[in-house]
Amino acid sequence: MTSPDGSQVAAITQDYTLLLSPLQGGEPRTVTKLSADETVNQWSADGRTLFVSCPGTRLEVSGIDLPSGARRLWKTFQPPDPAGVRASVFLATPDARGYAYSYMRILDELYCVEGLK
């Protein structure tokens, strides 16, 4: 994912290390480790923060401060009824004042049958 000024790209290695690589050449810089199920969603408008999220019954979105690698929980999204929910997609406006998330709901029914031979 390319930074807002187009100077670098954020990438995740096979061992879930978050790297920033300059597009004009140079060595990548390690920022922090991510968990296996985290995804990078987007950059902040000023290019100092990357928003990452972890899908699940609720969607926790954290901001990673790129100069320090510090992480802070930004928002938690959860539908009113979490039964069968997997929240997985998050988008925000460049200033992060507006945002949206989506989720899937998968419900099953179990029938109990008695007396079969």
C-alpha atoms as a PDB file:
ATOM      1  CA  MET A   1       0.000   0.000   0.000  1.00  0.00           C
ATOM      2  CA  THR A   2       1.562   3.290  -1.142  1.00  0.00           C
ATOM      3  CA  SER A   3       1.915   6.267   1.207  1.00  0.00           C
ATOM      4  CA  PRO A   4      -0.149   9.432   0.544  1.00  0.00           C
ATOM      5  CA  ASP A   5       2.902  11.281  -0.829  1.00  0.00           C
ATOM      6  CA  GLY A   6       3.907   8.315  -2.999  1.00  0.00           C
ATOM      7  CA  SER A   7       7.372   8.039  -1.456  1.00  0.00           C
ATOM      8  CA  GLN A   8       7.109   4.639   0.232  1.00  0.00           C
ATOM      9  CA  VAL A   9       5.126   1.460   0.373  1.00  0.00           C
ATOM     10  CA  ALA A  10       3.953  -0.540   3.388  1.00  0.00           C
ATOM     11  CA  ALA A  11       4.434  -4.279   3.071  1.00  0.00           C
ATOM     12  CA  ILE A  12       4.028  -7.326   5.291  1.00  0.00           C
ATOM     13  CA  THR A  13       6.618 -10.098   5.184  1.00  0.00           C
ATOM     14  CA  GLN A  14       5.900 -13.822   5.509  1.00  0.00           C
ATOM     15  CA  ASP A  15       6.634 -13.623   9.244  1.00  0.00           C
ATOM     16  CA  TYR A  16       4.144 -10.703   9.626  1.00  0.00           C
ATOM     17  CA  THR A  17       6.748  -7.954   9.977  1.00  0.00           C
ATOM     18  CA  LEU A  18       5.474  -4.565   8.811  1.00  0.00           C
ATOM     19  CA  LEU A  19       8.052  -2.869   6.590  1.00  0.00           C
ATOM     20  CA  LEU A  20       8.246   0.560   4.987  1.00  0.00           C
ATOM     21  CA  SER A  21      10.170   0.550   1.715  1.00  0.00           C
ATOM     22  CA  PRO A  22      11.219   3.756  -0.051  1.00  0.00           C
ATOM     23  CA  LEU A  23      10.162   3.757  -3.705  1.00  0.00           C
ATOM     24  CA  GLN A  24      13.212   5.743  -4.835  1.00  0.00           C
ATOM     25  CA  GLY A  25      15.621   3.081  -3.561  1.00  0.00           C
ATOM     26  CA  GLY A  26      17.136   2.374  -0.197  1.00  0.00           C
ATOM     27  CA  GLU A  27      16.722  -0.182   2.531  1.00  0.00           C
ATOM     28  CA  PRO A  28      13.295  -1.110   3.943  1.00  0.00           C
ATOM     29  CA  ARG A  29      12.676  -0.110   7.551  1.00  0.00           C
ATOM     30  CA  THR A  30      11.070  -2.478  10.043  1.00  0.00           C
ATOM     31  CA  VAL A  31       8.161  -0.866  11.910  1.00  0.00           C
ATOM     32  CA  THR A  32       6.632  -3.629  14.052  1.00  0.00           C
ATOM     33  CA  LYS A  33       5.252  -7.159  14.018  1.00  0.00           C
ATOM     34  CA  LEU A  34       1.603  -7.794  13.189  1.00  0.00           C
ATOM     35  CA  SER A  35      -0.480 -10.753  14.241  1.00  0.00           C
ATOM     36  CA  ALA A  36      -1.179 -13.402  11.613  1.00  0.00           C
ATOM     37  CA  ASP A  37      -4.763 -12.265  11.045  1.00  0.00           C
ATOM     38  CA  GLU A  38      -4.158  -8.494  10.933  1.00  0.00           C
ATOM     39  CA  THR A  39      -4.430  -6.576   7.694  1.00  0.00           C
ATOM     40  CA  VAL A  40      -3.219  -3.115   6.733  1.00  0.00           C
ATOM     41  CA  ASN A  41      -6.237  -1.008   5.829  1.00  0.00           C
ATOM     42  CA  GLN A  42      -4.945   2.442   4.968  1.00  0.00           C
ATOM     43  CA  TRP A  43      -2.598   5.320   5.673  1.00  0.00           C
ATOM     44  CA  SER A  44      -3.561   8.451   7.581  1.00  0.00           C
ATOM     45  CA  ALA A  45      -3.639  11.621   5.460  1.00  0.00           C
ATOM     46  CA  ASP A  46      -0.368  12.887   6.983  1.00  0.00           C
ATOM     47  CA  GLY A  47       1.429   9.581   6.306  1.00  0.00           C
ATOM     48  CA  ARG A  48       2.476   9.119   9.946  1.00  0.00           C
ATOM     49  CA  THR A  49      -0.013   6.380  10.843  1.00  0.00           C
ATOM     50  CA  LEU A  50      -1.102   3.086   9.322  1.00  0.00           C
ATOM     51  CA  PHE A  51      -4.486   1.705  10.299  1.00  0.00           C
ATOM     52  CA  VAL A  52      -4.603  -2.065  10.776  1.00  0.00           C
ATOM     53  CA  SER A  53      -7.486  -4.297  11.742  1.00  0.00           C
ATOM     54  CA  CYS A  54      -8.162  -7.790  12.937  1.00  0.00           C
ATOM     55  CA  PRO A  55     -11.369  -9.374  11.580  1.00  0.00           C
ATOM     56  CA  GLY A  56     -13.742 -11.290  13.796  1.00  0.00           C
ATOM     57  CA  THR A  57     -17.006 -10.952  15.696  1.00  0.00           C
ATOM     58  CA  ARG A  58     -15.948  -7.383  16.280  1.00  0.00           C
ATOM     59  CA  LEU A  59     -13.498  -5.356  14.215  1.00  0.00           C
ATOM     60  CA  GLU A  60     -10.743  -3.708  16.225  1.00  0.00           C
ATOM     61  CA  VAL A  61      -8.907  -0.984  14.299  1.00  0.00           C
ATOM     62  CA  SER A  62      -5.553   0.205  15.606  1.00  0.00           C
ATOM     63  CA  GLY A  63      -3.308   3.004  14.448  1.00  0.00           C
ATOM     64  CA  ILE A  64       0.405   2.277  14.241  1.00  0.00           C
ATOM     65  CA  ASP A  65       2.574   5.369  14.640  1.00  0.00           C
ATOM     66  CA  LEU A  66       5.222   4.821  11.971  1.00  0.00           C
ATOM     67  CA  PRO A  67       8.100   6.833  13.502  1.00  0.00           C
ATOM     68  CA  SER A  68       7.890   4.979  16.834  1.00  0.00           C
ATOM     69  CA  GLY A  69       6.067   1.742  15.980  1.00  0.00           C
ATOM     70  CA  ALA A  70       3.669   2.405  18.878  1.00  0.00           C
ATOM     71  CA  ARG A  71       0.175   0.994  18.505  1.00  0.00           C
ATOM     72  CA  ARG A  72      -3.060   2.398  19.874  1.00  0.00           C
ATOM     73  CA  LEU A  73      -6.610   1.119  19.610  1.00  0.00           C
ATOM     74  CA  TRP A  74      -8.532   3.621  17.473  1.00  0.00           C
ATOM     75  CA  LYS A  75     -12.055   2.187  17.127  1.00  0.00           C
ATOM     76  CA  THR A  76     -13.909  -1.036  17.789  1.00  0.00           C
ATOM     77  CA  PHE A  77     -16.834  -1.876  15.543  1.00  0.00           C
ATOM     78  CA  GLN A  78     -19.424  -4.469  16.492  1.00  0.00           C
ATOM     79  CA  PRO A  79     -22.906  -5.027  15.093  1.00  0.00           C
ATOM     80  CA  PRO A  80     -25.725  -4.891  17.669  1.00  0.00           C
ATOM     81  CA  ASP A  81     -26.343  -8.622  17.254  1.00  0.00           C
ATOM     82  CA  PRO A  82     -22.990 -10.434  16.876  1.00  0.00           C
ATOM     83  CA  ALA A  83     -24.486 -13.900  16.196  1.00  0.00           C
ATOM     84  CA  GLY A  84     -22.829 -15.424  13.131  1.00  0.00           C
ATOM     85  CA  VAL A  85     -20.944 -12.202  12.349  1.00  0.00           C
ATOM     86  CA  ARG A  86     -17.508 -11.767  10.813  1.00  0.00           C
ATOM     87  CA  ALA A  87     -16.590  -8.090  10.528  1.00  0.00           C
ATOM     88  CA  SER A  88     -13.711  -7.716   8.117  1.00  0.00           C
ATOM     89  CA  VAL A  89     -13.663  -4.520   6.040  1.00  0.00           C
ATOM     90  CA  PHE A  90     -12.889  -1.018   7.298  1.00  0.00           C
ATOM     91  CA  LEU A  91     -12.541   2.253   5.367  1.00  0.00           C
ATOM     92  CA  ALA A  92     -12.065   5.821   6.565  1.00  0.00           C
ATOM     93  CA  THR A  93     -11.967   9.238   4.973  1.00  0.00           C
ATOM     94  CA  PRO A  94      -8.456  10.736   4.678  1.00  0.00           C
ATOM     95  CA  ASP A  95      -8.978  12.814   7.844  1.00  0.00           C
ATOM     96  CA  ALA A  96     -10.462   9.745   9.657  1.00  0.00           C
ATOM     97  CA  ARG A  97     -13.512  11.753  10.728  1.00  0.00           C
ATOM     98  CA  GLY A  98     -15.808   9.559   8.645  1.00  0.00           C
ATOM     99  CA  TYR A  99     -15.587   5.799   8.475  1.00  0.00           C
ATOM    100  CA  ALA A 100     -17.499   2.666   7.573  1.00  0.00           C
ATOM    101  CA  TYR A 101     -17.215  -1.045   8.158  1.00  0.00           C
ATOM    102  CA  SER A 102     -18.933  -4.092   6.783  1.00  0.00           C
ATOM    103  CA  TYR A 103     -19.595  -7.586   7.987  1.00  0.00           C
ATOM    104  CA  MET A 104     -21.023 -10.897   6.883  1.00  0.00           C
ATOM    105  CA  ARG A 105     -23.580 -12.860   8.828  1.00  0.00           C
ATOM    106  CA  ILE A 106     -23.667 -16.611   8.384  1.00  0.00           C
ATOM    107  CA  LEU A 107     -26.381 -18.434  10.276  1.00  0.00           C
ATOM    108  CA  ASP A 108     -27.177 -22.120  10.268  1.00  0.00           C
ATOM    109  CA  GLU A 109     -30.036 -24.165  11.640  1.00  0.00           C
ATOM    110  CA  LEU A 110     -29.682 -27.448  13.431  1.00  0.00           C
ATOM    111  CA  TYR A 111     -32.530 -29.946  13.327  1.00  0.00           C
ATOM    112  CA  CYS A 112     -32.751 -32.828  15.753  1.00  0.00           C
ATOM    113  CA  VAL A 113     -34.498 -35.869  14.317  1.00  0.00           C
ATOM    114  CA  GLU A 114     -35.547 -38.749  16.539  1.00  0.00           C
ATOM    115  CA  GLY A 115     -36.834 -42.223  15.791  1.00  0.00           C
ATOM    116  CA  LEU A 116     -34.917 -42.948  12.570  1.00  0.00           C
ATOM    117  CA  LYS A 117     -34.038 -46.574  11.902  1.00  0.00           C
END
